[in-house]
Protein backbone atom coordinates (compact mmCIF):
# COMPACT_ATOMS: atom_id res chain seq x y z
CA MET A 1 -29.58 -22.90 -6.24
CA PRO A 2 -25.81 -22.25 -6.25
CA PRO A 3 -23.77 -24.46 -3.87
CA ALA A 4 -22.81 -21.48 -1.70
CA LEU A 5 -26.46 -20.66 -1.01
CA GLU A 6 -27.23 -24.32 -0.30
CA LYS A 7 -24.48 -24.38 2.33
CA LEU A 8 -25.70 -21.11 3.85
CA ALA A 9 -29.26 -22.36 4.01
CA ALA A 10 -28.10 -25.55 5.71
CA ARG A 11 -25.71 -23.93 8.18
CA GLY A 12 -27.21 -20.47 8.68
CA ALA A 13 -25.02 -18.33 10.90
CA ALA A 14 -22.03 -20.70 10.73
CA PHE A 15 -20.22 -18.36 8.30
CA ASP A 16 -18.68 -15.12 9.53
CA LEU A 17 -17.46 -13.76 6.19
CA ILE A 18 -18.34 -14.14 2.52
CA LEU A 19 -16.07 -12.97 -0.29
CA MET A 20 -18.25 -12.59 -3.36
CA ASP A 21 -17.70 -11.67 -6.96
CA LEU A 22 -20.27 -9.77 -8.98
CA HIS A 23 -19.76 -12.05 -11.97
CA MET A 24 -20.59 -15.70 -11.28
CA PRO A 25 -21.94 -18.50 -13.43
CA GLY A 26 -25.71 -18.86 -13.25
CA MET A 27 -26.31 -15.91 -10.92
CA ASP A 28 -24.80 -12.45 -10.74
CA GLY A 29 -23.71 -10.77 -7.54
CA PHE A 30 -26.87 -8.68 -7.31
CA GLN A 31 -29.04 -11.78 -7.45
CA PHE A 32 -26.75 -13.50 -4.97
CA LYS A 33 -27.15 -10.68 -2.45
CA GLU A 34 -30.91 -10.88 -2.79
CA ALA A 35 -30.87 -14.63 -2.17
CA LEU A 36 -28.29 -14.23 0.61
CA GLY A 37 -30.62 -11.91 2.47
CA LYS A 38 -33.27 -14.64 2.52
CA THR A 39 -30.92 -17.14 4.22
CA GLY A 40 -30.67 -15.10 7.41
CA PHE A 41 -26.93 -14.56 6.91
CA ASN A 42 -25.67 -12.08 9.49
CA GLY A 43 -21.93 -12.20 8.88
CA SER A 44 -19.75 -9.78 6.95
CA LEU A 45 -19.43 -9.34 3.20
CA ILE A 46 -16.58 -8.28 0.93
CA ILE A 47 -17.34 -7.62 -2.73
CA LEU A 48 -14.67 -8.45 -5.33
CA SER A 49 -15.09 -7.52 -8.97
CA GLY A 50 -13.49 -6.54 -12.21
CA GLN A 51 -16.52 -4.38 -13.07
CA ASP A 52 -16.23 -0.62 -13.54
CA ALA A 53 -16.48 1.89 -10.70
CA GLU A 54 -20.19 2.65 -11.26
CA VAL A 55 -21.15 -1.02 -10.98
CA MET A 56 -19.04 -1.39 -7.84
CA LYS A 57 -20.70 1.70 -6.36
CA ALA A 58 -24.16 0.27 -7.10
CA ALA A 59 -23.21 -3.11 -5.59
CA THR A 60 -21.93 -1.38 -2.45
CA LEU A 61 -25.09 0.69 -2.12
CA ILE A 62 -27.35 -2.33 -2.52
CA ALA A 63 -25.37 -4.28 0.09
CA LYS A 64 -25.80 -1.40 2.53
CA LEU A 65 -29.51 -1.06 1.75
CA ARG A 66 -29.94 -4.78 2.43
CA ARG A 67 -28.24 -4.14 5.78
CA PHE A 68 -25.27 -6.42 5.21
CA THR A 69 -22.16 -5.72 7.23
CA LEU A 70 -20.09 -4.63 4.24
CA LEU A 71 -16.37 -4.57 4.96
CA GLY A 72 -15.59 -3.15 1.54
CA ALA A 73 -15.40 -3.60 -2.20
CA VAL A 74 -12.14 -4.42 -3.96
CA ALA A 75 -11.32 -4.25 -7.66
CA LYS A 76 -9.78 -7.33 -9.26
CA PRO A 77 -7.09 -8.42 -9.40
CA VAL A 78 -7.16 -8.45 -5.61
CA GLY A 79 -3.89 -7.88 -3.84
CA GLN A 80 -3.14 -9.64 -0.58
CA GLN A 81 -2.59 -6.34 1.25
CA ALA A 82 -5.91 -4.86 0.10
CA LEU A 83 -7.79 -7.94 1.25
CA ALA A 84 -5.91 -8.15 4.55
CA ALA A 85 -6.75 -4.51 5.27
CA LEU A 86 -10.47 -5.28 5.01
CA ILE A 87 -10.37 -8.45 7.06
């Protein structure tokens, strides 16, 4: 289990916001969202990625279907203003 999921499982609702990439070692963002849903996380989510627009659209749709509070999806490289606008 990735360290982020271990911390979520241990602390539950202690996190208000997760910034997640779709490309991570050992687990992609789609798998992470599936596992995240099982932790009981009820905070907000921002997706960051260098993937193409279709992949970002699919990731956004899946986050909404899993009933995450999705603040948005931002293409990498992420600018400070784009991130601040979502937060």
